[in-house]
Amino acid sequence: MDAVEDLLRQIKEREAQTKAGFTVTLSDLSVVQDNSSATIETNLNIAAGEVGGASSLAIQRWEFKLVESDGWRVCTAKKLS
């Protein structure tokens, strides 16, 4: 989960630098499930609020591996692009 923690740290740093809020949403979700495990690929759409009249959007492709153990739990996450 280091990759997710790194992304969160980067977003928080950018929020502090720019004084703009960020929103992260998902798109193009793909799920492959095999009994008690699943792989999810999705786009993380990272949008920054307006700074000086301009807003920005970064799209990153991510993969999450999950297992079902009394509820679905994320085991690994990695940035694909």
C-alpha atoms as a PDB file:
ATOM      1  CA  MET A   1       0.000   0.000   0.000  1.00  0.00           C
ATOM      2  CA  ASP A   2       3.066   2.238  -0.167  1.00  0.00           C
ATOM      3  CA  ALA A   3       1.978   3.493  -3.592  1.00  0.00           C
ATOM      4  CA  VAL A   4      -1.373   4.710  -2.237  1.00  0.00           C
ATOM      5  CA  GLU A   5       0.286   6.354   0.755  1.00  0.00           C
ATOM      6  CA  ASP A   6       2.760   8.066  -1.602  1.00  0.00           C
ATOM      7  CA  LEU A   7      -0.081   9.361  -3.792  1.00  0.00           C
ATOM      8  CA  LEU A   8      -1.953  10.658  -0.738  1.00  0.00           C
ATOM      9  CA  ARG A   9       1.207  12.404   0.508  1.00  0.00           C
ATOM     10  CA  GLN A  10       1.702  14.041  -2.912  1.00  0.00           C
ATOM     11  CA  ILE A  11      -1.903  15.271  -2.978  1.00  0.00           C
ATOM     12  CA  LYS A  12      -1.641  16.708   0.536  1.00  0.00           C
ATOM     13  CA  GLU A  13       1.613  18.484  -0.379  1.00  0.00           C
ATOM     14  CA  ARG A  14       0.027  19.989  -3.497  1.00  0.00           C
ATOM     15  CA  GLU A  15      -3.011  21.101  -1.490  1.00  0.00           C
ATOM     16  CA  ALA A  16      -0.725  22.868   0.977  1.00  0.00           C
ATOM     17  CA  GLN A  17       1.315  24.504  -1.819  1.00  0.00           C
ATOM     18  CA  THR A  18      -1.600  25.648  -3.959  1.00  0.00           C
ATOM     19  CA  LYS A  19      -4.325  26.150  -1.327  1.00  0.00           C
ATOM     20  CA  ALA A  20      -6.629  24.263  -3.721  1.00  0.00           C
ATOM     21  CA  GLY A  21      -8.723  21.264  -2.803  1.00  0.00           C
ATOM     22  CA  PHE A  22      -8.345  17.998  -4.680  1.00  0.00           C
ATOM     23  CA  THR A  23     -10.993  15.430  -5.587  1.00  0.00           C
ATOM     24  CA  VAL A  24     -10.254  11.832  -6.582  1.00  0.00           C
ATOM     25  CA  THR A  25     -12.874   9.866  -8.512  1.00  0.00           C
ATOM     26  CA  LEU A  26     -12.873   6.536 -10.371  1.00  0.00           C
ATOM     27  CA  SER A  27     -13.658   5.775 -14.011  1.00  0.00           C
ATOM     28  CA  ASP A  28     -13.253   2.902 -16.481  1.00  0.00           C
ATOM     29  CA  LEU A  29     -13.512   0.290 -13.730  1.00  0.00           C
ATOM     30  CA  SER A  30     -12.709  -3.321 -14.661  1.00  0.00           C
ATOM     31  CA  VAL A  31     -13.225  -6.164 -12.158  1.00  0.00           C
ATOM     32  CA  VAL A  32     -12.041  -9.767 -12.499  1.00  0.00           C
ATOM     33  CA  GLN A  33     -13.201 -11.969  -9.637  1.00  0.00           C
ATOM     34  CA  ASP A  34     -12.101 -15.536  -8.921  1.00  0.00           C
ATOM     35  CA  ASN A  35     -13.896 -16.926  -5.865  1.00  0.00           C
ATOM     36  CA  SER A  36     -12.401 -15.097  -2.878  1.00  0.00           C
ATOM     37  CA  SER A  37      -9.973 -12.866  -4.769  1.00  0.00           C
ATOM     38  CA  ALA A  38     -10.397 -10.050  -7.241  1.00  0.00           C
ATOM     39  CA  THR A  39      -8.339  -7.703  -9.377  1.00  0.00           C
ATOM     40  CA  ILE A  40      -9.644  -4.228 -10.113  1.00  0.00           C
ATOM     41  CA  GLU A  41      -8.189  -1.885 -12.712  1.00  0.00           C
ATOM     42  CA  THR A  42      -9.455   1.660 -12.737  1.00  0.00           C
ATOM     43  CA  ASN A  43      -8.568   5.217 -13.588  1.00  0.00           C
ATOM     44  CA  LEU A  44      -8.026   7.572 -10.680  1.00  0.00           C
ATOM     45  CA  ASN A  45      -9.152  11.007 -11.845  1.00  0.00           C
ATOM     46  CA  ILE A  46      -7.319  13.536  -9.678  1.00  0.00           C
ATOM     47  CA  ALA A  47      -8.869  16.972 -10.055  1.00  0.00           C
ATOM     48  CA  ALA A  48      -7.461  20.141  -8.521  1.00  0.00           C
ATOM     49  CA  GLY A  49      -9.718  23.042  -7.698  1.00  0.00           C
ATOM     50  CA  GLU A  50      -9.238  26.351  -9.414  1.00  0.00           C
ATOM     51  CA  VAL A  51      -5.988  28.195  -8.795  1.00  0.00           C
ATOM     52  CA  GLY A  52      -5.723  31.532 -10.561  1.00  0.00           C
ATOM     53  CA  GLY A  53      -8.790  30.706 -12.659  1.00  0.00           C
ATOM     54  CA  ALA A  54      -7.469  27.377 -13.941  1.00  0.00           C
ATOM     55  CA  SER A  55      -8.255  23.842 -12.856  1.00  0.00           C
ATOM     56  CA  SER A  56      -6.378  20.673 -13.685  1.00  0.00           C
ATOM     57  CA  LEU A  57      -7.079  16.970 -14.060  1.00  0.00           C
ATOM     58  CA  ALA A  58      -4.567  14.105 -13.930  1.00  0.00           C
ATOM     59  CA  ILE A  59      -5.649  10.578 -14.849  1.00  0.00           C
ATOM     60  CA  GLN A  60      -3.680   7.614 -13.530  1.00  0.00           C
ATOM     61  CA  ARG A  61      -4.362   3.934 -14.224  1.00  0.00           C
ATOM     62  CA  TRP A  62      -4.203   1.764 -11.073  1.00  0.00           C
ATOM     63  CA  GLU A  63      -4.537  -1.912 -10.190  1.00  0.00           C
ATOM     64  CA  PHE A  64      -5.890  -3.150  -6.866  1.00  0.00           C
ATOM     65  CA  LYS A  65      -5.785  -6.774  -5.688  1.00  0.00           C
ATOM     66  CA  LEU A  66      -8.377  -7.765  -3.106  1.00  0.00           C
ATOM     67  CA  VAL A  67      -9.281 -10.821  -1.031  1.00  0.00           C
ATOM     68  CA  GLU A  68     -12.581 -11.650   0.608  1.00  0.00           C
ATOM     69  CA  SER A  69     -12.021 -12.206   4.307  1.00  0.00           C
ATOM     70  CA  ASP A  70     -15.099 -11.199   6.284  1.00  0.00           C
ATOM     71  CA  GLY A  71     -15.509  -8.398   3.724  1.00  0.00           C
ATOM     72  CA  TRP A  72     -13.366  -7.359   0.766  1.00  0.00           C
ATOM     73  CA  ARG A  73      -9.881  -6.127   1.695  1.00  0.00           C
ATOM     74  CA  VAL A  74      -7.263  -4.470  -0.507  1.00  0.00           C
ATOM     75  CA  CYS A  75      -3.966  -6.389  -0.401  1.00  0.00           C
ATOM     76  CA  THR A  76      -1.923  -4.540  -2.989  1.00  0.00           C
ATOM     77  CA  ALA A  77      -2.224  -1.398  -5.060  1.00  0.00           C
ATOM     78  CA  LYS A  78       0.042  -0.213  -7.831  1.00  0.00           C
ATOM     79  CA  LYS A  79       0.091   2.575 -10.348  1.00  0.00           C
ATOM     80  CA  LEU A  80       0.089   1.230 -13.912  1.00  0.00           C
ATOM     81  CA  SER A  81       0.453   4.534 -15.788  1.00  0.00           C
END
